[in-house]
């Protein structure tokens, strides 16, 4: 049975949920697949008898879409069993190209494949592989395919990461970092006015996500009332006081994870990072009041994502040291 240690150091939320899903699937099919393998071993390699056994026990595997058996050479010896019906046209097919055969096979017990596109159904699926043994001899394998549309029917979406994440950028950019210097942009010249507008729009006009491009002088906004689209404004539009007329008033969301005062403090922190150093400087930043996250991209092309709370705990001295260390270690 698959054992999962979800407390493993450094495991991301995505890795945890993947292991949880695979562990749940392995637990649900492990016993019935093992019992089915024992029954198939008794009649192996009689294709008709294997078909009968697979058909009889397909119902024991919840959400299983197709069931089949193959030998040690990767050739299917049974029919393809689907909805209790056997399709003998699949007998003898070479399955050695299947994605799950690129990994180590389970000479004992069960193994789950990674997600792949089924050539039969065209859907994303996962295959559970069960070794078929007679005494101490490996005879072949049983494969049970599970479509994700059935496995994940009632699964909630992956929760957004809230812990600090760091990503190194393009090596070509990092290698030429000390050959460049920050050039004063139009946004730099109007940074206080731009930040004031961003704060106003996010606090009272329904904008929940903003991205500020300091070097290229533009801002992108996402609205609560229209989250699938975004608006782009250059500096001159952003500092126009009449921009508020383009965005209807909207109450600040009660479920927002940061307050307007925290937004103000975060924007002040972004200004400090923009002008902290002429070589390693802030190039762009994003703010999201609904998940409480801030994103930072620097001139070295490195990116950082963290909660606004955590960002506000860091001072300028921390960031100067962090970025210098990041650059020398790359």
Protein backbone atom coordinates (compact mmCIF):
# COMPACT_ATOMS: atom_id res chain seq x y z
CA UNK A 1 0.00 0.00 0.00
CA UNK A 2 1.25 3.50 -0.79
CA UNK A 3 2.53 5.32 2.30
CA UNK A 4 2.65 9.13 2.20
CA UNK A 5 4.41 11.44 4.63
CA UNK A 6 2.74 14.81 4.12
CA UNK A 7 5.02 16.45 6.67
CA UNK A 8 8.03 16.08 4.42
CA UNK A 9 10.13 19.24 4.62
CA UNK A 10 9.68 21.68 1.78
CA UNK A 11 6.71 19.96 0.16
CA UNK A 12 4.47 22.41 -1.70
CA UNK A 13 0.69 22.49 -1.47
CA UNK A 14 0.47 21.09 -5.00
CA UNK A 15 2.80 18.19 -4.19
CA UNK A 16 0.78 17.41 -1.07
CA UNK A 17 -2.55 17.30 -2.86
CA UNK A 18 -1.09 15.12 -5.66
CA UNK A 19 0.21 12.62 -3.12
CA UNK A 20 -3.07 12.71 -1.22
CA UNK A 21 -5.06 11.94 -4.39
CA UNK A 22 -2.73 9.12 -5.40
CA UNK A 23 -2.73 7.69 -1.90
CA UNK A 24 -6.53 7.74 -1.82
CA UNK A 25 -6.73 5.99 -5.21
CA UNK A 26 -4.13 3.40 -4.21
CA UNK A 27 -5.99 2.69 -0.99
CA UNK A 28 -9.34 2.26 -2.74
CA UNK A 29 -8.09 -0.10 -5.46
CA UNK A 30 -5.17 -1.83 -3.74
CA UNK A 31 -7.10 -4.70 -2.15
CA UNK A 32 -9.50 -5.45 -5.06
CA UNK A 33 -6.66 -5.26 -7.62
CA UNK A 34 -4.52 -7.60 -5.53
CA UNK A 35 -7.39 -10.07 -5.27
CA UNK A 36 -8.04 -9.77 -9.01
CA UNK A 37 -4.37 -10.43 -9.78
CA UNK A 38 -4.50 -13.62 -7.70
CA UNK A 39 -7.53 -14.84 -9.66
CA UNK A 40 -5.89 -14.01 -13.00
CA UNK A 41 -2.71 -15.81 -11.97
CA UNK A 42 -4.70 -19.03 -11.67
CA UNK A 43 -5.74 -18.94 -15.34
CA UNK A 44 -2.73 -17.09 -16.86
CA UNK A 45 -2.10 -16.95 -19.85
CA UNK A 46 -5.53 -18.15 -21.03
CA UNK A 47 -6.87 -14.97 -22.68
CA UNK A 48 -10.53 -16.02 -22.62
CA UNK A 49 -10.37 -17.00 -18.96
CA UNK A 50 -8.60 -13.73 -18.09
CA UNK A 51 -11.32 -11.78 -19.95
CA UNK A 52 -14.03 -13.55 -17.97
CA UNK A 53 -12.25 -12.81 -14.70
CA UNK A 54 -11.71 -9.13 -15.55
CA UNK A 55 -15.33 -8.69 -16.68
CA UNK A 56 -16.65 -10.27 -13.51
CA UNK A 57 -14.62 -8.01 -11.21
CA UNK A 58 -14.59 -4.66 -13.06
CA UNK A 59 -17.38 -3.52 -10.75
CA UNK A 60 -15.07 -3.95 -7.76
CA UNK A 61 -12.93 -1.03 -8.95
CA UNK A 62 -14.83 2.21 -8.37
CA UNK A 63 -14.50 4.70 -11.26
CA UNK A 64 -12.41 2.26 -13.33
CA UNK A 65 -12.99 2.97 -17.02
CA UNK A 66 -10.95 0.24 -18.73
CA UNK A 67 -9.30 -2.95 -17.47
CA UNK A 68 -6.82 -5.17 -19.28
CA UNK A 69 -3.82 -7.48 -18.81
CA UNK A 70 -0.46 -7.59 -20.54
CA UNK A 71 2.61 -9.79 -20.49
CA UNK A 72 6.25 -9.13 -19.65
CA UNK A 73 6.96 -8.04 -23.23
CA UNK A 74 4.42 -5.24 -22.99
CA UNK A 75 1.82 -6.93 -25.20
CA UNK A 76 -1.83 -7.04 -24.23
CA UNK A 77 -2.93 -10.62 -23.74
CA UNK A 78 -6.51 -9.90 -22.71
CA UNK A 79 -9.29 -8.01 -24.40
CA UNK A 80 -9.95 -4.42 -23.41
CA UNK A 81 -12.73 -4.52 -20.80
CA UNK A 82 -14.98 -1.46 -20.72
CA UNK A 83 -18.49 -1.21 -19.27
CA UNK A 84 -18.38 -4.97 -18.74
CA UNK A 85 -17.85 -5.63 -22.47
CA UNK A 86 -14.71 -7.29 -23.85
CA UNK A 87 -13.13 -5.92 -27.04
CA UNK A 88 -10.85 -8.70 -28.36
CA UNK A 89 -9.40 -6.41 -31.05
CA UNK A 90 -6.95 -5.18 -28.42
CA UNK A 91 -5.34 -8.58 -27.90
CA UNK A 92 -1.72 -8.62 -29.01
CA UNK A 93 -1.34 -4.84 -29.08
CA UNK A 94 2.07 -3.47 -28.17
CA UNK A 95 1.69 -1.34 -25.04
CA UNK A 96 5.40 -0.77 -24.50
CA UNK A 97 5.07 2.87 -25.63
CA UNK A 98 2.60 3.70 -22.86
CA UNK A 99 3.86 6.50 -20.56
CA UNK A 100 3.65 4.35 -17.44
CA UNK A 101 6.07 1.80 -18.92
CA UNK A 102 8.83 4.43 -18.86
CA UNK A 103 8.97 4.07 -15.07
CA UNK A 104 9.96 1.15 -12.88
CA UNK A 105 7.24 -1.48 -12.93
CA UNK A 106 5.72 -2.99 -9.79
CA UNK A 107 7.25 -6.45 -9.50
CA UNK A 108 5.14 -6.72 -6.37
CA UNK A 109 2.00 -4.87 -5.39
CA UNK A 110 0.57 -1.76 -7.04
CA UNK A 111 1.98 1.30 -8.79
CA UNK A 112 0.18 4.41 -10.04
CA UNK A 113 1.21 6.17 -13.23
CA UNK A 114 1.50 9.90 -13.70
CA UNK A 115 -1.38 11.62 -15.48
CA UNK A 116 -1.32 11.13 -19.25
CA UNK A 117 -3.60 11.48 -22.27
CA UNK A 118 -5.41 8.24 -23.05
CA UNK A 119 -5.05 7.16 -26.67
CA UNK A 120 -8.33 5.28 -26.31
CA UNK A 121 -10.63 7.91 -24.81
CA UNK A 122 -8.65 11.09 -25.47
CA UNK A 123 -9.12 12.04 -21.80
CA UNK A 124 -6.61 12.61 -19.04
CA UNK A 125 -6.24 9.47 -16.97
CA UNK A 126 -4.20 7.62 -14.37
CA UNK A 127 -3.37 3.91 -14.62
CA UNK A 128 -3.05 1.60 -11.64
CA UNK A 129 -0.65 -1.27 -12.37
CA UNK A 130 -0.83 -4.50 -10.40
CA UNK A 131 1.78 -7.24 -10.68
CA UNK A 132 0.45 -10.74 -11.42
CA UNK A 133 2.57 -13.43 -9.75
CA UNK A 134 2.30 -17.18 -9.54
CA UNK A 135 4.28 -18.31 -6.52
CA UNK A 136 7.62 -16.48 -6.98
CA UNK A 137 7.32 -15.93 -10.73
CA UNK A 138 6.19 -12.64 -12.28
CA UNK A 139 3.67 -13.46 -15.02
CA UNK A 140 2.56 -10.02 -16.18
CA UNK A 141 0.43 -7.08 -15.12
CA UNK A 142 -3.15 -5.90 -14.80
CA UNK A 143 -3.80 -2.30 -15.77
CA UNK A 144 -6.83 -0.32 -14.58
CA UNK A 145 -7.41 3.08 -16.20
CA UNK A 146 -9.19 5.85 -14.29
CA UNK A 147 -10.35 9.03 -16.06
CA UNK A 148 -9.72 12.24 -14.16
CA UNK A 149 -13.20 13.55 -14.96
CA UNK A 150 -14.57 10.80 -12.70
CA UNK A 151 -11.83 10.79 -10.09
CA UNK A 152 -11.97 14.57 -9.61
CA UNK A 153 -15.72 15.12 -9.97
CA UNK A 154 -16.11 16.42 -6.42
CA UNK A 155 -12.59 17.71 -5.88
CA UNK A 156 -12.12 21.36 -4.85
CA UNK A 157 -9.55 23.47 -6.67
CA UNK A 158 -6.00 23.58 -5.39
CA UNK A 159 -5.68 26.25 -2.73
CA UNK A 160 -3.35 29.10 -3.61
CA UNK A 161 0.13 29.02 -2.09
CA UNK A 162 0.56 31.58 0.67
CA UNK A 163 4.11 30.74 1.69
CA UNK A 164 7.10 32.61 0.31
CA UNK A 165 8.18 31.27 -3.07
CA UNK A 166 11.29 32.33 -4.94
CA UNK A 167 12.20 31.71 -8.60
CA UNK A 168 15.45 32.51 -10.34
CA UNK A 169 15.14 34.27 -13.67
CA UNK A 170 16.74 34.01 -17.09
CA UNK A 171 20.47 33.15 -16.71
CA UNK A 172 21.25 35.42 -19.67
CA UNK A 173 19.74 38.37 -17.78
CA UNK A 174 21.52 37.51 -14.54
CA UNK A 175 24.89 37.19 -16.28
CA UNK A 176 24.71 40.76 -17.61
CA UNK A 177 23.16 42.32 -14.51
CA UNK A 178 26.17 44.43 -13.54
CA UNK A 179 26.44 45.82 -17.06
CA UNK A 180 23.17 47.71 -16.64
CA UNK A 181 21.74 50.43 -14.46
CA UNK A 182 18.24 51.56 -13.67
CA UNK A 183 16.99 54.24 -16.06
CA UNK A 184 14.56 56.76 -14.63
CA UNK A 185 11.16 55.98 -16.15
CA UNK A 186 8.10 58.16 -16.49
CA UNK A 187 6.49 56.09 -13.76
CA UNK A 188 9.48 56.71 -11.49
CA UNK A 189 9.00 60.44 -11.93
CA UNK A 190 5.34 60.10 -10.89
CA UNK A 191 5.60 57.15 -8.51
CA UNK A 192 3.76 58.80 -5.63
CA UNK A 193 0.82 59.80 -7.84
CA UNK A 194 0.73 56.32 -9.41
CA UNK A 195 0.74 54.63 -6.01
CA UNK A 196 -1.98 56.98 -4.74
CA UNK A 197 -4.16 56.07 -7.72
CA UNK A 198 -3.55 52.34 -7.26
CA UNK A 199 -4.50 52.63 -3.60
CA UNK A 200 -7.67 54.58 -4.39
CA UNK A 201 -8.80 52.19 -7.12
CA UNK A 202 -8.15 49.12 -4.98
CA UNK A 203 -9.76 50.62 -1.88
CA UNK A 204 -12.92 52.17 -3.32
CA UNK A 205 -13.36 51.17 -6.96
CA UNK A 206 -13.46 47.36 -6.97
CA UNK A 207 -9.99 46.54 -8.24
CA UNK A 208 -8.72 43.45 -6.43
CA UNK A 209 -5.48 42.76 -8.31
CA UNK A 210 -2.97 45.26 -9.66
CA UNK A 211 0.33 44.83 -11.43
CA UNK A 212 2.67 47.80 -11.60
CA UNK A 213 5.36 47.77 -14.30
CA UNK A 214 7.85 50.35 -13.08
CA UNK A 215 10.39 50.08 -15.89
CA UNK A 216 7.93 50.13 -18.80
CA UNK A 217 5.51 52.58 -17.16
CA UNK A 218 2.14 50.86 -17.10
CA UNK A 219 -0.36 49.27 -14.73
CA UNK A 220 -2.75 46.36 -15.23
CA UNK A 221 -5.97 46.11 -13.19
CA UNK A 222 -8.42 43.26 -12.52
CA UNK A 223 -11.94 44.11 -11.28
CA UNK A 224 -14.14 42.19 -8.87
CA UNK A 225 -17.08 42.66 -11.24
CA UNK A 226 -15.11 41.45 -14.28
CA UNK A 227 -12.30 39.16 -13.05
CA UNK A 228 -11.65 37.47 -16.41
CA UNK A 229 -10.49 40.66 -18.13
CA UNK A 230 -7.87 43.24 -17.29
CA UNK A 231 -7.36 46.92 -18.07
CA UNK A 232 -4.00 48.42 -18.99
CA UNK A 233 -3.14 52.07 -18.42
CA UNK A 234 -0.03 54.07 -19.18
CA UNK A 235 1.38 56.56 -16.69
CA UNK A 236 -0.44 59.59 -18.10
CA UNK A 237 -3.80 57.86 -17.75
CA UNK A 238 -3.02 56.63 -14.26
CA UNK A 239 -2.07 60.05 -12.90
CA UNK A 240 -5.12 61.69 -14.47
CA UNK A 241 -7.40 62.37 -11.47
CA UNK A 242 -10.43 61.70 -13.66
CA UNK A 243 -9.47 58.02 -13.99
CA UNK A 244 -11.82 57.37 -11.06
CA UNK A 245 -14.74 58.18 -13.36
CA UNK A 246 -13.85 55.11 -15.45
CA UNK A 247 -14.27 52.76 -12.49
CA UNK A 248 -17.58 52.71 -10.55
CA UNK A 249 -17.42 52.97 -6.78
CA UNK A 250 -17.32 49.63 -4.98
CA UNK A 251 -17.30 48.77 -1.29
CA UNK A 252 -14.07 47.29 -0.03
CA UNK A 253 -14.61 43.50 0.11
CA UNK A 254 -15.34 42.19 3.59
CA UNK A 255 -13.43 39.00 2.74
CA UNK A 256 -10.27 40.81 1.60
CA UNK A 257 -7.20 39.47 3.39
CA UNK A 258 -5.46 42.83 3.68
CA UNK A 259 -6.63 46.26 4.78
CA UNK A 260 -6.24 49.53 2.85
CA UNK A 261 -3.67 50.65 5.41
CA UNK A 262 -1.63 47.52 4.69
CA UNK A 263 -1.87 48.30 0.98
CA UNK A 264 -0.51 51.77 1.67
CA UNK A 265 2.40 50.33 3.63
CA UNK A 266 3.09 47.76 0.89
CA UNK A 267 3.17 50.47 -1.79
CA UNK A 268 5.62 52.46 0.32
CA UNK A 269 7.77 49.34 0.54
CA UNK A 270 7.66 48.93 -3.24
CA UNK A 271 8.85 52.50 -3.71
CA UNK A 272 11.79 51.87 -1.40
CA UNK A 273 12.74 48.73 -3.35
CA UNK A 274 12.49 50.56 -6.66
CA UNK A 275 15.08 53.15 -5.61
CA UNK A 276 17.19 51.08 -3.19
CA UNK A 277 19.95 50.25 -5.67
CA UNK A 278 20.80 51.36 -9.19
CA UNK A 279 21.77 47.84 -10.31
CA UNK A 280 19.51 45.45 -8.41
CA UNK A 281 16.11 47.12 -8.32
CA UNK A 282 12.41 46.35 -8.46
CA UNK A 283 11.15 46.02 -12.03
CA UNK A 284 7.50 45.12 -11.45
CA UNK A 285 5.17 44.16 -8.63
CA UNK A 286 1.66 42.77 -8.14
CA UNK A 287 -0.81 43.20 -5.27
CA UNK A 288 -3.90 41.09 -4.62
CA UNK A 289 -6.28 41.96 -1.78
CA UNK A 290 -8.31 38.75 -2.07
CA UNK A 291 -5.51 36.26 -1.48
CA UNK A 292 -3.32 38.77 0.33
CA UNK A 293 -0.32 38.07 -1.90
CA UNK A 294 2.38 40.30 -3.35
CA UNK A 295 4.66 39.46 -6.27
CA UNK A 296 8.05 41.06 -6.91
CA UNK A 297 10.26 40.85 -10.00
CA UNK A 298 13.72 42.41 -9.90
CA UNK A 299 16.25 43.56 -12.48
CA UNK A 300 18.09 40.25 -12.07
CA UNK A 301 14.86 38.64 -13.39
CA UNK A 302 14.35 36.83 -10.09
CA UNK A 303 10.82 36.71 -8.70
CA UNK A 304 9.42 36.43 -5.18
CA UNK A 305 5.84 35.67 -4.11
CA UNK A 306 4.67 35.99 -0.50
CA UNK A 307 1.88 37.26 1.68
CA UNK A 308 1.65 41.01 2.10
CA UNK A 309 1.89 40.41 5.86
CA UNK A 310 5.25 38.72 5.40
CA UNK A 311 6.43 41.42 3.00
CA UNK A 312 5.67 44.10 5.57
CA UNK A 313 7.74 42.23 8.15
CA UNK A 314 10.85 42.59 5.95
CA UNK A 315 12.82 45.83 5.90
CA UNK A 316 14.96 47.32 3.17
CA UNK A 317 18.15 45.99 4.74
CA UNK A 318 16.76 42.45 4.43
CA UNK A 319 15.95 42.85 0.73
CA UNK A 320 19.31 44.38 -0.18
CA UNK A 321 21.06 41.48 1.51
CA UNK A 322 18.70 38.87 0.06
CA UNK A 323 19.09 40.08 -3.51
CA UNK A 324 22.86 40.41 -3.23
CA UNK A 325 23.10 36.85 -1.89
CA UNK A 326 20.76 35.56 -4.60
CA UNK A 327 22.89 37.14 -7.32
CA UNK A 328 26.25 35.92 -6.02
CA UNK A 329 24.90 32.37 -5.55
CA UNK A 330 23.63 32.20 -9.14
